[in-house]
């Protein structure tokens, strides 16, 4: 295992397409739910413990070798918004493309053949973690951190928020990211024994509603 590979995978400059997505922050800003660092922190905390937990558990389970097809179907069932399902698959396809160039593996090739239009991004993330020699905890941390870092970065552009303030939000959420990642690994191990029904189904209804509203905008800064 190379922990340096984790730094490569988690780096915002890794060409996986995440920079084009706000994680729901753009819709939340327009709706007036995110206006400053304090409301951004509330938004990120909610996202971390709902969509972030589900994503982290999916990624950890994929890293443990659970069938990607079963995990992808489970991700679909836990994503009511068609717009979010589409975004997740686009991100998964881009992540897979970058990963196959970075860590070539037969397992990544198999996922590409099975999902020509892309699998859900957290599922791909877990398979990529395996290909990079990383474990379930690494995959869970990547997914959990992405669930808050994406909105924080996007809000710097959307609100001209001070980057120092946005980074402070991420620092204050660090211990909660730890807990979510730990919980995700625990759940993923249960999935190995019990199947995908053991995955969490935590939801953020405003994220789903906001995604559908956002998809209908004629002008937007981010794809989702």
Protein backbone atom coordinates (compact mmCIF):
# COMPACT_ATOMS: atom_id res chain seq x y z
CA UNK A 1 0.00 0.00 0.00
CA UNK A 2 1.27 3.47 -0.91
CA UNK A 3 -0.27 6.29 1.06
CA UNK A 4 1.21 8.67 -1.49
CA UNK A 5 -1.34 7.23 -3.93
CA UNK A 6 -4.05 8.50 -1.59
CA UNK A 7 -2.65 12.01 -1.93
CA UNK A 8 -2.76 11.71 -5.72
CA UNK A 9 -6.35 10.43 -5.71
CA UNK A 10 -7.61 13.01 -3.21
CA UNK A 11 -5.80 15.94 -4.83
CA UNK A 12 -8.23 18.45 -6.28
CA UNK A 13 -5.98 18.67 -9.34
CA UNK A 14 -6.50 15.00 -10.20
CA UNK A 15 -8.38 15.21 -13.53
CA UNK A 16 -11.56 13.51 -12.36
CA UNK A 17 -13.93 16.36 -13.23
CA UNK A 18 -14.98 17.28 -9.70
CA UNK A 19 -14.02 20.93 -10.16
CA UNK A 20 -17.04 21.37 -12.47
CA UNK A 21 -19.53 20.33 -9.80
CA UNK A 22 -20.63 22.27 -6.73
CA UNK A 23 -22.18 19.42 -4.76
CA UNK A 24 -25.46 21.29 -4.55
CA UNK A 25 -23.88 24.52 -3.33
CA UNK A 26 -24.86 26.58 -6.37
CA UNK A 27 -28.57 25.84 -5.89
CA UNK A 28 -28.26 26.43 -2.14
CA UNK A 29 -26.59 29.79 -2.69
CA UNK A 30 -29.28 30.94 -5.09
CA UNK A 31 -31.99 29.78 -2.70
CA UNK A 32 -30.39 31.83 0.09
CA UNK A 33 -29.54 28.85 2.25
CA UNK A 34 -25.78 29.45 1.96
CA UNK A 35 -24.72 33.07 2.38
CA UNK A 36 -21.51 33.02 4.45
CA UNK A 37 -19.00 30.73 6.17
CA UNK A 38 -21.40 29.80 8.99
CA UNK A 39 -24.19 28.71 6.65
CA UNK A 40 -21.65 26.95 4.42
CA UNK A 41 -20.53 24.95 7.45
CA UNK A 42 -24.13 23.96 8.20
CA UNK A 43 -24.65 22.95 4.56
CA UNK A 44 -21.46 20.90 4.44
CA UNK A 45 -22.21 19.21 7.75
CA UNK A 46 -25.63 18.15 6.52
CA UNK A 47 -24.21 16.90 3.24
CA UNK A 48 -21.42 15.00 5.00
CA UNK A 49 -23.78 13.04 7.25
CA UNK A 50 -26.24 12.18 4.46
CA UNK A 51 -24.94 11.99 0.89
CA UNK A 52 -21.36 11.90 2.19
CA UNK A 53 -21.98 8.89 4.41
CA UNK A 54 -23.71 6.97 1.61
CA UNK A 55 -20.91 7.79 -0.84
CA UNK A 56 -18.22 6.82 1.66
CA UNK A 57 -19.89 3.49 2.39
CA UNK A 58 -20.28 2.71 -1.32
CA UNK A 59 -16.62 3.57 -1.96
CA UNK A 60 -15.41 1.51 0.99
CA UNK A 61 -17.50 -1.48 -0.07
CA UNK A 62 -16.14 -1.29 -3.63
CA UNK A 63 -12.61 -1.10 -2.23
CA UNK A 64 -13.31 -4.32 -0.31
CA UNK A 65 -14.24 -6.06 -3.56
CA UNK A 66 -18.04 -6.02 -3.43
CA UNK A 67 -19.50 -6.41 -6.93
CA UNK A 68 -19.60 -2.98 -8.63
CA UNK A 69 -22.83 -3.85 -10.44
CA UNK A 70 -24.64 -4.52 -7.18
CA UNK A 71 -23.22 -1.37 -5.63
CA UNK A 72 -24.19 0.73 -8.63
CA UNK A 73 -27.79 -0.50 -8.43
CA UNK A 74 -27.78 0.31 -4.71
CA UNK A 75 -26.46 3.80 -5.46
CA UNK A 76 -29.24 4.32 -7.99
CA UNK A 77 -31.84 3.33 -5.40
CA UNK A 78 -30.40 5.84 -2.95
CA UNK A 79 -30.37 8.72 -5.46
CA UNK A 80 -33.96 9.77 -6.23
CA UNK A 81 -32.97 12.75 -8.39
CA UNK A 82 -32.41 11.88 -12.08
CA UNK A 83 -30.13 14.93 -12.33
CA UNK A 84 -27.93 13.65 -9.52
CA UNK A 85 -27.82 10.15 -10.98
CA UNK A 86 -26.69 11.61 -14.30
CA UNK A 87 -24.05 13.77 -12.60
CA UNK A 88 -22.77 10.83 -10.56
CA UNK A 89 -22.36 8.70 -13.67
CA UNK A 90 -20.60 11.46 -15.59
CA UNK A 91 -18.21 11.92 -12.70
CA UNK A 92 -17.70 8.19 -12.48
CA UNK A 93 -16.87 7.98 -16.18
CA UNK A 94 -14.35 10.83 -15.94
CA UNK A 95 -12.75 9.40 -12.79
CA UNK A 96 -12.43 6.01 -14.46
CA UNK A 97 -10.83 7.55 -17.53
CA UNK A 98 -8.23 9.35 -15.39
CA UNK A 99 -7.61 6.31 -13.21
CA UNK A 100 -7.07 3.91 -16.12
CA UNK A 101 -4.32 6.20 -17.37
CA UNK A 102 -2.81 6.50 -13.88
CA UNK A 103 -3.21 3.00 -12.40
CA UNK A 104 -3.91 0.61 -15.30
CA UNK A 105 -5.68 -2.55 -14.15
CA UNK A 106 -7.91 -5.30 -15.50
CA UNK A 107 -10.50 -4.49 -12.83
CA UNK A 108 -10.84 -0.91 -14.06
CA UNK A 109 -11.10 -2.19 -17.62
CA UNK A 110 -13.93 -4.51 -16.54
CA UNK A 111 -15.85 -1.62 -14.98
CA UNK A 112 -15.39 0.44 -18.14
CA UNK A 113 -16.86 -2.38 -20.23
CA UNK A 114 -19.75 -3.00 -17.86
CA UNK A 115 -20.66 0.69 -17.58
CA UNK A 116 -19.89 2.41 -20.90
CA UNK A 117 -21.91 5.46 -19.80
CA UNK A 118 -20.32 5.50 -16.36
CA UNK A 119 -21.00 3.96 -12.97
CA UNK A 120 -21.79 6.04 -9.90
CA UNK A 121 -18.72 7.98 -8.88
CA UNK A 122 -18.36 6.55 -5.34
CA UNK A 123 -18.45 3.02 -6.72
CA UNK A 124 -15.75 3.87 -9.25
CA UNK A 125 -13.77 5.59 -6.50
CA UNK A 126 -13.66 2.40 -4.48
CA UNK A 127 -12.51 0.31 -7.44
CA UNK A 128 -9.89 2.94 -8.26
CA UNK A 129 -8.66 2.82 -4.66
CA UNK A 130 -8.13 -0.94 -5.04
CA UNK A 131 -6.25 -0.41 -8.29
CA UNK A 132 -4.03 2.17 -6.57
CA UNK A 133 -3.20 -0.25 -3.76
CA UNK A 134 -5.36 1.56 -1.21
CA UNK A 135 -7.85 0.18 1.29
CA UNK A 136 -11.44 0.70 2.34
CA UNK A 137 -10.62 3.42 4.85
CA UNK A 138 -8.71 5.38 2.21
CA UNK A 139 -11.66 5.19 -0.18
CA UNK A 140 -14.07 6.22 2.57
CA UNK A 141 -11.93 9.21 3.49
CA UNK A 142 -11.72 10.33 -0.14
CA UNK A 143 -15.49 10.16 -0.57
CA UNK A 144 -16.30 11.80 2.76
CA UNK A 145 -13.83 14.63 2.19
CA UNK A 146 -15.05 15.21 -1.37
CA UNK A 147 -18.60 15.60 -0.05
CA UNK A 148 -17.57 18.77 1.78
CA UNK A 149 -14.54 20.05 -0.12
CA UNK A 150 -16.47 20.38 -3.39
CA UNK A 151 -19.14 22.70 -1.96
CA UNK A 152 -16.52 24.67 -0.01
CA UNK A 153 -14.42 25.30 -3.12
CA UNK A 154 -17.46 26.16 -5.21
CA UNK A 155 -18.70 28.69 -2.67
CA UNK A 156 -15.46 30.64 -2.95
CA UNK A 157 -16.46 31.35 -6.56
CA UNK A 158 -20.19 31.65 -6.00
CA UNK A 159 -20.06 34.08 -3.06
CA UNK A 160 -16.51 35.44 -3.40
CA UNK A 161 -16.06 33.86 0.03
CA UNK A 162 -12.60 34.31 1.51
CA UNK A 163 -10.68 31.07 0.76
CA UNK A 164 -9.29 31.18 4.30
CA UNK A 165 -12.83 31.08 5.67
CA UNK A 166 -13.79 28.19 3.38
CA UNK A 167 -10.72 26.23 4.46
CA UNK A 168 -11.58 26.95 8.07
CA UNK A 169 -14.94 25.29 7.51
CA UNK A 170 -13.20 22.15 6.28
CA UNK A 171 -10.85 22.18 9.27
CA UNK A 172 -13.73 22.46 11.72
CA UNK A 173 -15.45 19.50 10.05
CA UNK A 174 -12.34 17.29 10.17
CA UNK A 175 -13.34 15.28 13.23
CA UNK A 176 -16.77 14.65 11.71
CA UNK A 177 -15.17 13.45 8.49
CA UNK A 178 -13.20 11.01 10.66
CA UNK A 179 -16.39 9.67 12.21
CA UNK A 180 -18.21 9.36 8.90
CA UNK A 181 -15.27 7.52 7.33
CA UNK A 182 -15.06 5.13 10.29
CA UNK A 183 -18.80 4.45 10.11
CA UNK A 184 -18.58 3.90 6.36
CA UNK A 185 -15.87 1.26 6.74
CA UNK A 186 -17.88 -0.49 9.45
CA UNK A 187 -20.91 -0.58 7.17
CA UNK A 188 -18.84 -1.73 4.17
CA UNK A 189 -17.61 -4.73 6.13
CA UNK A 190 -21.21 -5.59 6.92
CA UNK A 191 -22.02 -5.35 3.21
CA UNK A 192 -19.41 -8.03 2.48
CA UNK A 193 -21.28 -10.43 4.78
CA UNK A 194 -24.89 -9.28 4.43
CA UNK A 195 -25.20 -7.71 0.98
CA UNK A 196 -25.96 -4.21 -0.23
CA UNK A 197 -29.08 -3.83 1.91
CA UNK A 198 -26.68 -3.10 4.77
CA UNK A 199 -25.67 0.16 3.09
CA UNK A 200 -27.00 3.39 4.67
CA UNK A 201 -29.79 5.26 2.94
CA UNK A 202 -29.36 8.66 4.61
CA UNK A 203 -31.00 11.35 2.51
CA UNK A 204 -30.88 15.10 2.00
CA UNK A 205 -34.18 15.99 0.31
CA UNK A 206 -33.15 19.59 -0.35
CA UNK A 207 -30.07 18.32 -2.19
CA UNK A 208 -32.32 16.24 -4.44
CA UNK A 209 -34.83 19.05 -5.01
CA UNK A 210 -32.09 21.59 -5.56
CA UNK A 211 -30.43 19.34 -8.14
CA UNK A 212 -33.62 19.10 -10.18
CA UNK A 213 -34.15 22.87 -10.04
CA UNK A 214 -30.50 23.51 -10.91
CA UNK A 215 -30.67 21.19 -13.93
CA UNK A 216 -33.32 23.43 -15.46
CA UNK A 217 -31.33 26.65 -15.24
CA UNK A 218 -30.31 28.22 -18.51
CA UNK A 219 -27.15 29.77 -17.04
CA UNK A 220 -25.07 28.21 -14.28
CA UNK A 221 -21.44 28.13 -13.19
CA UNK A 222 -21.36 24.43 -12.27
CA UNK A 223 -22.72 21.27 -13.86
CA UNK A 224 -24.42 20.17 -10.65
